[in-house]
C-alpha atoms as a PDB file:
ATOM      1  CA  MET A   1     -20.019  -6.169 -16.522  1.00  0.00           C
ATOM      2  CA  LEU A   2     -19.980  -2.621 -15.137  1.00  0.00           C
ATOM      3  CA  ALA A   3     -23.146  -3.220 -13.132  1.00  0.00           C
ATOM      4  CA  GLY A   4     -21.471  -6.251 -11.557  1.00  0.00           C
ATOM      5  CA  VAL A   5     -18.415  -4.195 -10.611  1.00  0.00           C
ATOM      6  CA  LYS A   6     -20.592  -1.444  -9.144  1.00  0.00           C
ATOM      7  CA  HIS A   7     -22.620  -4.019  -7.217  1.00  0.00           C
ATOM      8  CA  ALA A   8     -19.444  -5.650  -5.869  1.00  0.00           C
ATOM      9  CA  PHE A   9     -18.081  -2.228  -4.880  1.00  0.00           C
ATOM     10  CA  LEU A  10     -21.268  -1.390  -2.983  1.00  0.00           C
ATOM     11  CA  GLN A  11     -21.321  -4.793  -1.317  1.00  0.00           C
ATOM     12  CA  ALA A  12     -17.758  -4.286  -0.111  1.00  0.00           C
ATOM     13  CA  ALA A  13     -18.584  -0.813   1.181  1.00  0.00           C
ATOM     14  CA  PHE A  14     -21.689  -2.035   2.984  1.00  0.00           C
ATOM     15  CA  ALA A  15     -20.288  -5.493   3.678  1.00  0.00           C
ATOM     16  CA  GLN A  16     -21.593  -6.203   7.132  1.00  0.00           C
ATOM     17  CA  PRO A  17     -24.884  -8.023   7.549  1.00  0.00           C
ATOM     18  CA  ALA A  18     -26.782  -4.820   8.204  1.00  0.00           C
ATOM     19  CA  THR A  19     -30.409  -4.102   8.760  1.00  0.00           C
ATOM     20  CA  HIS A  20     -32.289  -1.599   6.653  1.00  0.00           C
ATOM     21  CA  ARG A  21     -32.232   0.748   9.652  1.00  0.00           C
ATOM     22  CA  HIS A  22     -28.448   0.548   9.897  1.00  0.00           C
ATOM     23  CA  GLU A  23     -28.020   1.200   6.175  1.00  0.00           C
ATOM     24  CA  GLN A  24     -30.375   4.168   6.424  1.00  0.00           C
ATOM     25  CA  LEU A  25     -28.314   5.649   9.285  1.00  0.00           C
ATOM     26  CA  ARG A  26     -25.079   5.069   7.410  1.00  0.00           C
ATOM     27  CA  ARG A  27     -26.418   6.837   4.303  1.00  0.00           C
ATOM     28  CA  GLN A  28     -27.783   9.776   6.295  1.00  0.00           C
ATOM     29  CA  LEU A  29     -24.439  10.310   8.016  1.00  0.00           C
ATOM     30  CA  LEU A  30     -22.526  10.103   4.736  1.00  0.00           C
ATOM     31  CA  ARG A  31     -24.957  12.421   2.926  1.00  0.00           C
ATOM     32  CA  TYR A  32     -24.598  15.010   5.665  1.00  0.00           C
ATOM     33  CA  CYS A  33     -20.819  14.815   5.342  1.00  0.00           C
ATOM     34  CA  VAL A  34     -20.953  15.286   1.567  1.00  0.00           C
ATOM     35  CA  GLU A  35     -23.296  18.259   1.923  1.00  0.00           C
ATOM     36  CA  HIS A  36     -21.280  19.763   4.827  1.00  0.00           C
ATOM     37  CA  PRO A  37     -17.661  18.638   4.339  1.00  0.00           C
ATOM     38  CA  ASP A  38     -16.369  21.009   7.031  1.00  0.00           C
ATOM     39  CA  ALA A  39     -18.793  19.717   9.684  1.00  0.00           C
ATOM     40  CA  LYS A  40     -17.265  18.230  12.792  1.00  0.00           C
ATOM     41  CA  ASP A  41     -19.273  17.329  15.863  1.00  0.00           C
ATOM     42  CA  THR A  42     -19.711  15.092  18.878  1.00  0.00           C
ATOM     43  CA  ILE A  43     -22.349  12.364  18.990  1.00  0.00           C
ATOM     44  CA  GLU A  44     -24.637  14.717  20.913  1.00  0.00           C
ATOM     45  CA  GLY A  45     -24.216  17.418  18.259  1.00  0.00           C
ATOM     46  CA  ILE A  46     -24.726  14.930  15.456  1.00  0.00           C
ATOM     47  CA  LEU A  47     -27.963  13.722  17.054  1.00  0.00           C
ATOM     48  CA  ALA A  48     -29.165  17.312  17.427  1.00  0.00           C
ATOM     49  CA  TRP A  49     -28.151  18.768  14.052  1.00  0.00           C
ATOM     50  CA  TRP A  50     -27.191  16.248  11.364  1.00  0.00           C
ATOM     51  CA  PHE A  51     -30.526  14.546  10.727  1.00  0.00           C
ATOM     52  CA  PRO A  52     -33.465  16.045   8.833  1.00  0.00           C
ATOM     53  CA  ARG A  53     -36.555  16.852  10.840  1.00  0.00           C
ATOM     54  CA  GLY A  54     -38.990  13.967  10.766  1.00  0.00           C
ATOM     55  CA  SER A  55     -36.329  11.376   9.926  1.00  0.00           C
ATOM     56  CA  ALA A  56     -35.856   8.198  11.912  1.00  0.00           C
ATOM     57  CA  ARG A  57     -34.711   8.694  15.475  1.00  0.00           C
ATOM     58  CA  TRP A  58     -31.350   7.222  16.329  1.00  0.00           C
ATOM     59  CA  SER A  59     -29.872   6.279  19.681  1.00  0.00           C
ATOM     60  CA  ALA A  60     -26.430   7.517  20.702  1.00  0.00           C
ATOM     61  CA  ASP A  61     -25.222   3.886  20.655  1.00  0.00           C
ATOM     62  CA  GLU A  62     -26.448   3.360  17.066  1.00  0.00           C
ATOM     63  CA  VAL A  63     -24.779   6.564  15.902  1.00  0.00           C
ATOM     64  CA  LYS A  64     -21.518   5.825  17.731  1.00  0.00           C
ATOM     65  CA  SER A  65     -21.221   2.292  16.357  1.00  0.00           C
ATOM     66  CA  THR A  66     -21.967   3.491  12.811  1.00  0.00           C
ATOM     67  CA  LEU A  67     -19.476   6.372  13.104  1.00  0.00           C
ATOM     68  CA  ASP A  68     -16.836   3.944  14.400  1.00  0.00           C
ATOM     69  CA  GLU A  69     -17.560   1.664  11.418  1.00  0.00           C
ATOM     70  CA  LEU A  70     -17.183   4.580   8.979  1.00  0.00           C
ATOM     71  CA  ILE A  71     -13.860   5.448  10.622  1.00  0.00           C
ATOM     72  CA  ARG A  72     -12.709   1.820  10.205  1.00  0.00           C
ATOM     73  CA  ASP A  73     -13.784   2.042   6.541  1.00  0.00           C
ATOM     74  CA  GLY A  74     -11.535   5.113   6.203  1.00  0.00           C
ATOM     75  CA  LEU A  75     -14.387   7.490   5.286  1.00  0.00           C
ATOM     76  CA  LEU A  76     -14.595   9.562   8.475  1.00  0.00           C
ATOM     77  CA  THR A  77     -12.196  10.797  11.119  1.00  0.00           C
ATOM     78  CA  GLY A  78     -12.534  10.777  14.866  1.00  0.00           C
ATOM     79  CA  ARG A  79     -10.467  12.937  17.183  1.00  0.00           C
ATOM     80  CA  SER A  80     -10.576  12.708  20.954  1.00  0.00           C
ATOM     81  CA  VAL A  81     -10.832  16.105  22.589  1.00  0.00           C
ATOM     82  CA  ARG A  82     -11.466  14.939  26.122  1.00  0.00           C
ATOM     83  CA  GLN A  83     -11.111  11.623  27.817  1.00  0.00           C
ATOM     84  CA  SER A  84     -14.597  10.498  26.781  1.00  0.00           C
ATOM     85  CA  GLU A  85     -15.524  12.833  23.905  1.00  0.00           C
ATOM     86  CA  VAL A  86     -14.746  12.359  20.204  1.00  0.00           C
ATOM     87  CA  ILE A  87     -15.223  14.872  17.380  1.00  0.00           C
ATOM     88  CA  TYR A  88     -16.281  13.183  14.119  1.00  0.00           C
ATOM     89  CA  GLY A  89     -15.848  14.518  10.579  1.00  0.00           C
ATOM     90  CA  VAL A  90     -15.464  13.403   6.978  1.00  0.00           C
ATOM     91  CA  ARG A  91     -12.166  12.621   5.269  1.00  0.00           C
ATOM     92  CA  LYS A  92     -12.379  15.207   2.492  1.00  0.00           C
ATOM     93  CA  GLU A  93     -10.185  13.123   0.212  1.00  0.00           C
ATOM     94  CA  LYS A  94     -12.929  10.463   0.345  1.00  0.00           C
ATOM     95  CA  LEU A  95     -15.813  12.733  -0.714  1.00  0.00           C
ATOM     96  CA  SER A  96     -15.929  11.502  -4.318  1.00  0.00           C
ATOM     97  CA  GLU A  97     -15.860   7.896  -3.083  1.00  0.00           C
ATOM     98  CA  ILE A  98     -18.724   8.635  -0.682  1.00  0.00           C
ATOM     99  CA  GLU A  99     -20.736  10.321  -3.435  1.00  0.00           C
ATOM    100  CA  LYS A 100     -20.292   7.208  -5.589  1.00  0.00           C
ATOM    101  CA  LEU A 101     -21.461   5.028  -2.702  1.00  0.00           C
ATOM    102  CA  LEU A 102     -24.528   7.188  -2.220  1.00  0.00           C
ATOM    103  CA  GLY A 103     -25.220   7.258  -5.951  1.00  0.00           C
ATOM    104  CA  GLY A 104     -25.928   3.544  -5.851  1.00  0.00           C
ATOM    105  CA  PHE A 105     -29.062   4.161  -3.827  1.00  0.00           C
ATOM    106  CA  THR A 106     -32.272   5.791  -4.917  1.00  0.00           C
ATOM    107  CA  ALA A 107     -34.249   8.144  -2.717  1.00  0.00           C
ATOM    108  CA  ASP A 108     -36.970   5.536  -2.132  1.00  0.00           C
ATOM    109  CA  THR A 109     -34.503   3.263  -0.309  1.00  0.00           C
ATOM    110  CA  ASP A 110     -33.815   5.825   2.414  1.00  0.00           C
ATOM    111  CA  GLU A 111     -36.910   5.597   4.511  1.00  0.00           C
END
């Protein structure tokens, strides 16, 4: 029963018909936020600093659409600082929820 609830929870959190690549990006962004809950950055900064060396390369469009999705899911924040620039960060009150989401995945599913 509990496994079914956990599976349903994860399906709801990752509900969109996503590719493995998209899921990998989503997990990497969330992991970074859990490890660095005070981090806030623009897409350019995220591309430069948030991903481990040697990890998959992401386009600005992929990162932006995934960040926007995580904002819609209520897990991240986005604050406009200029007309075309947004600063992204984690909702600290959602950290335990994010950790639970990430706990449903093993390391071998990341890459």
